[in-house]
Protein backbone atom coordinates (compact mmCIF):
# COMPACT_ATOMS: atom_id res chain seq x y z
CA MET A 1 0.00 0.00 0.00
CA PHE A 2 1.12 3.56 -0.73
CA ASP A 3 1.23 6.44 1.79
CA ASP A 4 -0.12 9.13 -0.50
CA THR A 5 -3.53 9.55 -2.14
CA ILE A 6 -3.82 10.19 -5.86
CA ALA A 7 -6.58 11.77 -7.92
CA ALA A 8 -7.37 12.24 -11.61
CA ILE A 9 -10.20 12.68 -14.08
CA ALA A 10 -11.21 9.21 -15.25
CA THR A 11 -13.36 10.25 -18.22
CA ALA A 12 -12.46 11.88 -21.52
CA PRO A 13 -12.21 15.70 -21.52
CA GLY A 14 -14.90 17.84 -23.12
CA GLU A 15 -18.66 18.26 -22.91
CA ALA A 16 -20.57 15.17 -21.73
CA GLY A 17 -23.51 14.07 -19.65
CA ILE A 18 -21.27 13.19 -16.70
CA SER A 19 -17.60 13.15 -15.80
CA ILE A 20 -15.92 11.03 -13.14
CA ILE A 21 -13.10 12.05 -10.81
CA ARG A 22 -11.33 9.17 -9.11
CA MET A 23 -9.25 9.04 -5.91
CA SER A 24 -7.21 6.17 -4.53
CA GLY A 25 -5.31 5.98 -1.25
CA SER A 26 -5.70 5.92 2.51
CA LYS A 27 -6.95 9.56 2.70
CA SER A 28 -9.65 9.21 0.04
CA LEU A 29 -12.56 9.05 2.48
CA GLU A 30 -11.10 11.83 4.65
CA ILE A 31 -10.70 14.15 1.63
CA VAL A 32 -14.16 13.55 0.16
CA ASP A 33 -15.68 14.10 3.61
CA LYS A 34 -14.14 17.60 3.66
CA ILE A 35 -15.65 18.69 0.34
CA PHE A 36 -18.83 16.61 -0.11
CA VAL A 37 -22.08 17.32 1.73
CA PRO A 38 -24.78 14.65 1.32
CA LYS A 39 -28.36 15.82 0.92
CA LYS A 40 -29.75 13.99 3.95
CA ASN A 41 -26.79 13.47 6.31
CA LYS A 42 -23.85 15.48 7.53
CA SER A 43 -21.16 13.05 6.33
CA ILE A 44 -20.59 10.38 3.68
CA LYS A 45 -19.11 8.31 6.52
CA ASN A 46 -22.66 7.72 7.75
CA TYR A 47 -23.50 5.74 4.59
CA PRO A 48 -22.56 2.15 3.78
CA GLN A 49 -19.64 1.81 1.42
CA ARG A 50 -20.31 1.19 -2.30
CA ARG A 51 -23.54 3.19 -2.19
CA LEU A 52 -23.95 6.16 -4.52
CA VAL A 53 -24.76 9.18 -2.37
CA TYR A 54 -26.45 12.31 -3.71
CA GLY A 55 -25.20 15.71 -2.57
CA HIS A 56 -23.02 18.71 -3.36
CA ILE A 57 -19.32 19.44 -3.64
CA ILE A 58 -18.75 22.58 -1.56
CA ASP A 59 -15.73 24.84 -1.21
CA LYS A 60 -16.14 25.54 2.51
CA ASN A 61 -13.54 28.30 2.51
CA LYS A 62 -15.68 30.28 0.08
CA ASP A 63 -19.01 28.84 1.25
CA LYS A 64 -19.74 28.06 -2.40
CA ILE A 65 -21.42 25.12 -4.10
CA ILE A 66 -19.16 23.75 -6.85
CA ASP A 67 -21.50 21.13 -8.35
CA GLU A 68 -24.34 18.71 -7.73
CA VAL A 69 -22.87 15.20 -7.70
CA LEU A 70 -23.12 11.52 -6.81
CA ALA A 71 -20.25 10.18 -4.72
CA VAL A 72 -19.29 6.64 -3.76
CA TYR A 73 -16.72 5.30 -1.30
CA MET A 74 -15.21 1.82 -1.79
CA LYS A 75 -13.17 0.31 1.01
CA ALA A 76 -9.91 -1.58 0.46
CA PRO A 77 -8.98 -4.26 -0.47
CA PHE A 78 -11.97 -4.97 -2.72
CA THR A 79 -11.30 -2.17 -5.19
CA TYR A 80 -9.52 -1.66 -8.50
CA THR A 81 -6.28 -0.62 -6.76
CA ARG A 82 -6.78 -2.63 -3.53
CA GLU A 83 -6.77 0.74 -1.76
CA ASP A 84 -9.59 2.93 -0.50
CA VAL A 85 -11.22 4.46 -3.59
CA VAL A 86 -13.65 7.34 -4.03
CA GLU A 87 -15.37 8.25 -7.28
CA ILE A 88 -17.31 11.46 -7.83
CA ASN A 89 -19.84 11.64 -10.67
CA CYS A 90 -20.31 15.28 -11.61
CA HIS A 91 -21.74 17.18 -14.58
CA GLY A 92 -19.67 16.79 -17.71
CA GLY A 93 -17.73 19.80 -18.90
CA ILE A 94 -14.38 21.44 -18.34
CA VAL A 95 -15.35 23.89 -15.55
CA PRO A 96 -17.04 21.61 -12.94
CA VAL A 97 -14.49 18.84 -13.40
CA ARG A 98 -11.52 21.18 -13.10
CA ASN A 99 -12.93 22.91 -10.02
CA ILE A 100 -13.67 19.66 -8.20
CA LEU A 101 -10.24 18.22 -9.01
CA ASP A 102 -8.53 21.44 -7.81
CA LEU A 103 -10.47 21.21 -4.55
CA ILE A 104 -9.45 17.57 -4.06
CA LEU A 105 -5.79 18.43 -4.64
CA LYS A 106 -5.96 21.35 -2.18
CA ASN A 107 -7.30 18.99 0.48
CA GLY A 108 -4.43 16.51 0.46
CA ALA A 109 -4.38 14.43 -2.73
CA ARG A 110 -1.80 14.70 -5.49
CA MET A 111 -2.29 14.45 -9.23
CA ALA A 112 -1.98 10.86 -10.45
CA GLU A 113 0.65 10.00 -13.03
CA PRO A 114 -0.46 8.35 -16.30
CA GLY A 115 -1.61 4.81 -15.56
CA GLU A 116 -0.93 5.11 -11.84
CA PHE A 117 -4.25 3.58 -10.75
CA THR A 118 -3.50 0.45 -12.80
CA LYS A 119 0.13 0.54 -11.67
CA ARG A 120 -1.04 0.43 -8.06
CA ALA A 121 -3.36 -2.46 -8.91
CA PHE A 122 -0.28 -4.29 -10.25
CA LEU A 123 2.08 -3.38 -7.40
CA ASN A 124 -0.58 -4.27 -4.83
CA GLY A 125 -0.92 -7.74 -6.39
CA ARG A 126 -4.44 -7.46 -7.78
CA ILE A 127 -3.33 -8.05 -11.40
CA ASP A 128 -0.06 -9.04 -13.06
CA LEU A 129 1.78 -6.97 -15.66
CA ALA A 130 0.28 -8.72 -18.69
CA GLN A 131 -3.21 -8.07 -17.30
CA ALA A 132 -2.33 -4.43 -16.63
CA GLU A 133 -1.24 -3.98 -20.25
CA ALA A 134 -4.51 -5.58 -21.36
CA VAL A 135 -6.38 -2.72 -19.68
CA MET A 136 -4.85 -0.28 -22.17
CA ASP A 137 -5.55 -2.69 -25.02
CA ILE A 138 -9.24 -2.74 -24.03
CA ILE A 139 -9.36 1.05 -24.07
CA SER A 140 -7.65 1.30 -27.48
CA ALA A 141 -9.37 -1.71 -29.13
CA LYS A 142 -10.49 -0.88 -32.67
CA THR A 143 -12.79 -3.86 -33.27
CA ASP A 144 -14.92 -6.32 -31.29
CA LYS A 145 -12.34 -9.02 -31.91
CA GLY A 146 -9.54 -6.79 -30.60
CA PHE A 147 -11.65 -6.11 -27.51
CA ASP A 148 -12.28 -9.85 -27.02
CA VAL A 149 -8.56 -10.65 -27.17
CA ALA A 150 -7.72 -7.87 -24.71
CA LEU A 151 -10.51 -8.98 -22.36
CA ASN A 152 -9.18 -12.54 -22.50
CA GLN A 153 -5.77 -11.26 -21.41
CA LEU A 154 -7.27 -9.13 -18.66
CA GLU A 155 -8.96 -12.29 -17.39
CA GLY A 156 -5.52 -13.90 -17.27
CA SER A 157 -5.50 -16.26 -20.27
CA LEU A 158 -1.94 -15.42 -21.36
CA SER A 159 -0.66 -15.18 -17.78
CA LYS A 160 -2.07 -18.63 -17.04
CA LYS A 161 -0.27 -20.20 -20.00
CA VAL A 162 2.99 -18.50 -19.06
CA SER A 163 2.63 -19.65 -15.45
CA GLU A 164 2.03 -23.24 -16.60
CA ILE A 165 5.30 -23.16 -18.53
CA ARG A 166 7.18 -21.63 -15.59
CA ASP A 167 5.81 -24.35 -13.28
CA ILE A 168 7.39 -27.02 -15.49
CA ILE A 169 10.72 -25.16 -15.38
CA VAL A 170 10.53 -24.81 -11.58
CA GLU A 171 10.02 -28.56 -11.31
CA LEU A 172 13.05 -29.19 -13.53
CA LEU A 173 15.21 -26.73 -11.58
CA ALA A 174 14.19 -28.36 -8.29
CA HIS A 175 15.20 -31.82 -9.55
CA LEU A 176 18.48 -30.44 -10.85
CA GLN A 177 19.25 -28.67 -7.58
CA VAL A 178 18.62 -31.82 -5.57
CA SER A 179 20.89 -33.79 -7.92
CA ILE A 180 23.62 -31.12 -7.62
CA ASP A 181 23.44 -30.65 -3.82
CA TYR A 182 23.01 -34.27 -2.75
CA THR A 183 25.32 -36.19 -5.05
CA GLU A 184 26.53 -38.44 -2.20
CA GLU A 185 23.06 -39.22 -0.89
CA ASP A 186 20.99 -42.19 -1.99
CA ILE A 187 18.59 -40.04 -4.02
CA GLN A 188 17.46 -40.92 -7.51
CA GLU A 189 18.76 -38.26 -9.87
CA ILE A 190 16.70 -36.95 -12.75
CA THR A 191 17.90 -38.53 -15.98
CA TYR A 192 18.94 -36.77 -19.18
CA PRO A 193 16.02 -38.32 -21.14
CA GLU A 194 13.58 -36.96 -18.52
CA LEU A 195 15.21 -33.54 -18.71
CA LEU A 196 15.05 -33.58 -22.50
CA SER A 197 11.41 -34.65 -22.64
CA LYS A 198 10.18 -31.92 -20.28
CA SER A 199 12.43 -29.25 -21.80
CA GLU A 200 11.02 -30.03 -25.24
CA ILE A 201 7.51 -29.61 -23.80
CA VAL A 202 8.55 -26.15 -22.57
CA ARG A 203 10.03 -25.30 -25.97
CA ASP A 204 6.89 -26.41 -27.83
CA LYS A 205 4.60 -24.42 -25.54
CA ILE A 206 6.68 -21.27 -26.04
CA LYS A 207 6.70 -21.80 -29.80
CA LYS A 208 2.93 -22.22 -29.81
CA LEU A 209 2.51 -18.84 -28.11
CA LEU A 210 5.01 -17.19 -30.46
CA ASP A 211 3.14 -18.57 -33.47
CA THR A 212 0.19 -16.36 -32.51
CA SER A 213 2.22 -13.14 -32.33
CA GLU A 214 1.75 -12.04 -35.95
CA THR A 215 -2.01 -12.48 -35.77
CA GLY A 216 -2.06 -10.89 -32.32
CA LYS A 217 -0.16 -7.81 -33.50
CA ILE A 218 -2.66 -7.34 -36.33
CA ILE A 219 -5.65 -7.67 -33.96
CA ARG A 220 -4.11 -5.13 -31.58
CA GLU A 221 -2.61 -2.58 -33.97
CA GLY A 222 -4.37 -3.20 -37.26
CA LEU A 223 -3.15 -4.58 -40.56
CA ASN A 224 -1.31 -1.94 -42.58
CA THR A 225 -2.99 -2.36 -45.96
CA VAL A 226 -2.21 -0.40 -49.13
CA ILE A 227 -4.32 -0.27 -52.28
CA VAL A 228 -2.03 0.23 -55.29
CA GLY A 229 -2.41 0.34 -59.03
CA LYS A 230 -2.19 2.74 -61.91
CA PRO A 231 -4.71 5.63 -62.06
CA ASN A 232 -8.41 4.97 -62.67
CA VAL A 233 -8.44 1.24 -61.89
CA GLY A 234 -10.94 1.67 -59.03
CA LYS A 235 -8.77 2.11 -55.93
CA SER A 236 -10.90 4.88 -54.44
CA SER A 237 -14.08 2.99 -55.31
CA LEU A 238 -12.74 -0.02 -53.40
CA LEU A 239 -11.94 2.12 -50.36
CA ASN A 240 -15.44 3.59 -50.41
CA ALA A 241 -16.96 0.11 -50.78
CA LEU A 242 -15.00 -1.23 -47.79
CA LEU A 243 -15.89 1.81 -45.68
CA ARG A 244 -19.53 1.73 -46.81
CA GLU A 245 -19.31 5.47 -47.39
CA SER A 246 -18.01 7.94 -49.98
CA ARG A 247 -14.70 8.89 -48.39
CA ALA A 248 -12.58 9.19 -51.56
CA ILE A 249 -13.46 11.18 -54.68
CA VAL A 250 -14.29 8.94 -57.63
CA THR A 251 -14.19 10.17 -61.24
CA ASP A 252 -13.25 8.85 -64.65
CA ILE A 253 -10.34 11.30 -64.76
CA PRO A 254 -6.95 9.63 -64.13
CA GLY A 255 -4.97 11.14 -61.26
CA THR A 256 -7.96 12.26 -59.15
CA THR A 257 -6.32 10.93 -55.96
CA ARG A 258 -3.14 13.00 -55.72
CA ASP A 259 -2.22 12.08 -52.14
CA VAL A 260 -2.76 9.12 -49.83
CA ILE A 261 -6.02 8.71 -47.88
CA GLU A 262 -5.84 6.73 -44.61
CA GLU A 263 -8.84 5.13 -42.91
CA TYR A 264 -9.54 2.37 -40.38
CA VAL A 265 -11.99 -0.31 -41.46
CA SER A 266 -13.08 -3.52 -39.74
CA ILE A 267 -13.13 -6.61 -41.98
CA ARG A 268 -15.01 -9.29 -40.04
CA GLY A 269 -13.42 -8.19 -36.79
CA ILE A 270 -9.94 -7.58 -38.21
CA PRO A 271 -8.86 -3.92 -38.06
CA LEU A 272 -7.30 -2.67 -41.29
CA LYS A 273 -5.43 0.61 -41.48
CA ILE A 274 -6.18 0.97 -45.16
CA VAL A 275 -4.48 3.47 -47.45
CA ASP A 276 -5.81 4.57 -50.84
CA THR A 277 -2.73 5.72 -52.73
CA ALA A 278 -2.27 8.03 -55.66
CA GLY A 279 -2.15 6.07 -58.92
CA ILE A 280 1.42 5.02 -59.65
CA ARG A 281 2.46 6.35 -63.04
CA GLU A 282 4.92 8.69 -64.71
CA THR A 283 3.63 12.25 -64.47
CA GLU A 284 4.84 15.82 -64.95
CA ASP A 285 2.30 17.23 -62.48
CA VAL A 286 4.36 18.29 -59.44
CA VAL A 287 1.59 17.64 -56.87
CA GLU A 288 0.64 14.26 -58.36
CA LYS A 289 4.33 13.32 -58.54
CA MET A 290 4.67 13.94 -54.79
CA GLY A 291 1.59 11.77 -54.21
CA VAL A 292 3.11 8.96 -56.28
CA GLU A 293 6.31 9.10 -54.18
CA ARG A 294 4.28 8.91 -50.97
CA SER A 295 2.38 5.95 -52.43
CA LYS A 296 5.67 4.11 -52.92
CA GLU A 297 6.68 4.83 -49.31
CA PHE A 298 3.44 3.37 -47.96
CA PHE A 299 3.78 0.41 -50.32
CA ASN A 300 7.20 -0.47 -48.86
CA LYS A 301 5.86 -0.38 -45.27
CA ALA A 302 2.64 -2.31 -45.93
CA ASP A 303 1.77 -5.62 -44.27
CA LEU A 304 -0.70 -6.36 -47.07
CA VAL A 305 -0.94 -4.99 -50.60
CA ILE A 306 -4.15 -4.98 -52.62
CA PHE A 307 -3.00 -4.59 -56.22
CA MET A 308 -5.76 -3.54 -58.60
CA LEU A 309 -5.89 -4.04 -62.35
CA ASP A 310 -8.43 -2.98 -64.98
CA ALA A 311 -10.01 -6.00 -66.72
CA SER A 312 -11.22 -3.83 -69.60
CA LYS A 313 -7.71 -2.78 -70.63
CA GLU A 314 -4.55 -4.56 -71.70
CA LEU A 315 -1.60 -4.68 -69.33
CA THR A 316 0.63 -1.64 -69.56
CA LYS A 317 4.26 -0.94 -68.76
CA GLU A 318 3.12 0.65 -65.48
CA ASP A 319 1.13 -2.49 -64.54
CA ARG A 320 4.13 -4.71 -65.18
CA GLU A 321 6.46 -2.46 -63.15
CA ILE A 322 4.10 -2.57 -60.17
CA MET A 323 3.80 -6.37 -60.51
CA GLU A 324 7.58 -6.71 -60.17
CA HIS A 325 7.40 -4.89 -56.83
CA VAL A 326 4.33 -6.84 -55.68
CA LYS A 327 6.09 -10.20 -56.22
CA ASN A 328 7.91 -9.98 -52.88
CA LYS A 329 4.98 -8.69 -50.82
CA LYS A 330 2.03 -10.35 -49.11
CA ALA A 331 -0.56 -9.36 -51.68
CA ILE A 332 -3.99 -9.94 -53.16
CA ILE A 333 -4.57 -9.22 -56.84
CA LEU A 334 -7.92 -7.66 -57.75
CA ILE A 335 -8.99 -7.61 -61.38
CA ASN A 336 -11.66 -4.92 -61.38
CA LYS A 337 -14.31 -3.87 -63.92
CA THR A 338 -15.17 -7.45 -64.87
CA ASP A 339 -18.63 -6.20 -65.88
CA LEU A 340 -16.97 -4.67 -68.98
CA PRO A 341 -15.57 -6.58 -71.99
CA GLN A 342 -12.33 -8.24 -70.82
CA LYS A 343 -9.07 -7.34 -72.56
CA ILE A 344 -6.53 -8.12 -69.84
CA ASN A 345 -4.19 -11.11 -70.23
CA GLU A 346 -4.69 -13.19 -67.07
CA ASN A 347 -2.07 -15.75 -68.07
CA GLU A 348 0.64 -13.10 -68.01
CA ILE A 349 -0.46 -12.03 -64.52
CA LYS A 350 -0.31 -15.63 -63.31
CA GLU A 351 3.17 -16.08 -64.79
CA ILE A 352 4.54 -13.10 -62.88
CA LEU A 353 2.44 -13.41 -59.71
CA HIS A 354 1.89 -17.16 -59.70
CA ASP A 355 1.74 -17.49 -55.90
CA LYS A 356 -0.72 -14.64 -55.34
CA LYS A 357 -4.47 -14.93 -54.93
CA ILE A 358 -6.31 -13.41 -57.90
CA ILE A 359 -9.90 -12.26 -57.34
CA LYS A 360 -12.19 -10.94 -60.06
CA VAL A 361 -14.40 -8.09 -58.90
CA SER A 362 -16.68 -5.41 -60.14
CA ILE A 363 -16.73 -2.64 -57.55
CA ALA A 364 -19.44 -0.82 -59.50
CA LYS A 365 -21.72 -3.90 -59.39
CA GLU A 366 -20.58 -4.89 -55.85
CA VAL A 367 -19.34 -8.26 -57.10
CA GLY A 368 -16.42 -10.10 -55.45
CA LEU A 369 -16.10 -8.04 -52.26
CA ASN A 370 -17.14 -10.96 -50.04
CA GLU A 371 -14.41 -13.11 -51.58
CA LEU A 372 -11.89 -10.34 -50.89
CA GLU A 373 -12.93 -10.15 -47.25
CA GLU A 374 -12.74 -13.95 -46.89
CA GLU A 375 -9.22 -13.96 -48.33
CA ILE A 376 -8.07 -11.24 -45.89
CA VAL A 377 -9.47 -13.24 -42.97
CA LYS A 378 -7.81 -16.39 -44.28
CA MET A 379 -4.43 -14.67 -44.64
CA VAL A 380 -4.59 -13.22 -41.13
CA TYR A 381 -5.71 -16.32 -39.26
CA GLY A 382 -4.33 -19.03 -41.48
CA GLY A 383 -7.19 -21.30 -40.50
CA GLN A 384 -6.72 -20.86 -36.75
CA VAL A 385 -9.61 -20.88 -34.32
CA LYS A 386 -11.38 -17.70 -33.29
CA SER A 387 -9.61 -15.28 -31.00
CA ARG A 388 -11.87 -15.88 -27.99
CA GLU A 389 -10.80 -19.54 -28.03
CA MET A 390 -7.06 -18.90 -27.77
CA SER A 391 -4.44 -16.72 -26.13
CA LEU A 392 -2.90 -14.38 -28.68
CA VAL A 393 0.42 -12.67 -28.09
CA THR A 394 -0.48 -9.10 -29.05
CA ASN A 395 2.29 -7.17 -27.31
CA ILE A 396 5.77 -6.66 -28.79
CA ARG A 397 7.27 -6.75 -25.27
CA HIS A 398 5.72 -10.15 -24.66
CA LYS A 399 6.97 -11.38 -28.03
CA ASN A 400 10.53 -10.26 -27.27
CA ALA A 401 10.46 -11.98 -23.88
CA LEU A 402 9.17 -15.21 -25.47
CA GLU A 403 11.88 -15.09 -28.14
CA LYS A 404 14.56 -14.78 -25.45
CA ALA A 405 12.95 -17.57 -23.44
CA LEU A 406 12.87 -19.78 -26.54
CA LYS A 407 16.56 -19.15 -27.20
CA SER A 408 17.41 -20.09 -23.60
CA ILE A 409 15.38 -23.32 -23.61
CA GLU A 410 16.90 -24.34 -26.95
CA GLU A 411 20.39 -23.79 -25.49
CA SER A 412 19.34 -25.86 -22.49
CA ILE A 413 18.11 -28.67 -24.77
CA GLU A 414 21.42 -28.63 -26.63
CA ALA A 415 23.31 -28.88 -23.31
CA ILE A 416 21.09 -31.83 -22.25
CA LYS A 417 21.75 -33.64 -25.52
CA GLN A 418 25.47 -33.25 -24.93
CA GLU A 419 24.96 -34.49 -21.33
CA LEU A 420 26.76 -31.49 -19.84
CA PHE A 421 26.92 -30.87 -16.08
CA PHE A 422 23.58 -30.26 -14.39
CA ASP A 423 24.63 -26.83 -13.10
CA LEU A 424 25.30 -25.64 -16.69
CA ILE A 425 21.88 -26.87 -17.81
CA ALA A 426 20.30 -25.10 -14.83
CA VAL A 427 21.74 -21.74 -15.92
CA ASP A 428 19.87 -21.80 -19.25
CA LEU A 429 16.69 -23.11 -17.63
CA ASN A 430 16.80 -20.32 -15.06
CA ASP A 431 17.29 -17.72 -17.82
CA CYS A 432 14.20 -19.10 -19.57
CA TYR A 433 12.25 -18.86 -16.31
CA GLU A 434 13.35 -15.24 -15.80
CA TYR A 435 12.44 -14.16 -19.34
CA LEU A 436 8.96 -15.65 -19.01
CA GLY A 437 8.60 -13.82 -15.70
CA GLU A 438 9.08 -10.53 -17.55
CA ILE A 439 5.68 -11.06 -19.20
CA THR A 440 3.75 -11.28 -15.94
CA GLY A 441 6.02 -8.81 -14.14
CA ASP A 442 7.52 -11.29 -11.67
CA THR A 443 11.08 -10.63 -12.83
CA VAL A 444 10.82 -7.37 -14.80
CA ALA A 445 13.04 -4.35 -14.06
CA GLU A 446 11.49 -1.28 -12.38
CA ASN A 447 12.39 1.07 -15.27
CA ILE A 448 10.48 -1.19 -17.70
CA ILE A 449 7.42 -1.08 -15.43
CA ASP A 450 7.61 2.73 -15.32
CA ASN A 451 7.86 2.95 -19.13
CA ILE A 452 4.84 0.67 -19.61
CA PHE A 453 2.57 2.79 -17.42
CA LYS A 454 3.73 6.07 -18.94
CA ASN A 455 1.80 5.06 -22.06
CA PHE A 456 -1.48 4.86 -20.14
CA CYS A 457 -4.02 7.66 -19.99
CA LEU A 458 -4.57 9.76 -16.87
CA GLY A 459 -7.20 8.38 -14.53
CA LYS A 460 -6.63 4.73 -15.48
């Protein structure tokens, strides 16, 4: 438990129906009692905890009512932070919220740092570090599926799997320590085959978690998707169709899109950060030329490329140049305008992009969009089960820790195969245990903890 009491606004700034100011710490009840006057009693202390109490926030020095509010006191340890917590529900808006917070700070609280409420929940043992990070993922989730994955982690799904792996390592380390310390005693030592078998189980479990990291990153951050093609092939029409709104200007004039347009769209629960680029072609127009250069930059950074071609026209030099770049990218090929007489040579496309999925569409007639969405889902999940049925590694910090743990267990396995001394094997096993502990926060450095919570919003 901490000695000081913190306070912050827990709701987003701006005009709203209500805003919430939150306090946490041993002086929370004492502070709210100084500034809050219930309608029917002299003190909030006369009410049971966890009951919303109607009354007024009053600046007693000025004998002035600040706002009409509902206040609730929650006693430790059954709170978000495992400390005494008070929440004040006031009218939304900058003025009442600011005045109430100023009054709280004048009466003994201090301003909370970003993420400090959740940090206290972690340090007080209510949640582990992976669960704390899931709180921020819930707040920033862009789709229902992203929310589901984050909620799973908040409920401890990833932490449980990591703990199961660490339990196996602890068992191995215990057997090794007994074998090292009591070599002269009549105690049955663990054998190298036993060590190898259980170490391989550890390795396989870590690999299984790592295999979800690419999908998890996409669910958490979105799939960087770029629509490319020469001018007037239907890129902006595709963006509008995916968004279900007219976001990009669509005309028959080549070069209408002269810069990139970025939007978020959810494809069956998968968040796509989708970019409609300027048509890639040789041009003398200075503004369009700058747009083409930006298109190339986004193309190089993309996780997924949607390359569009015009079925009603023969392949051009520009088409072929783009195809050469697309060859080395994760890409889907869309042949658009299939409602018009077809002139494009599909065989040539297949020769150059033989390993890419080709989908025929007509954006104007709304044909083929379902197949495109199905292919995106297939590429992201690779046939895996739905996100609610598995623990996805969505955090780059978790992925890095798992990679280090995997390296350590593989070194341990190699030492076991060579039948090296038990104490040498134990070093690598212990390293693996420590790296896994970084995920849940059991073995993580204090500066890393501070950096994680700095990314949180105030009041959380």
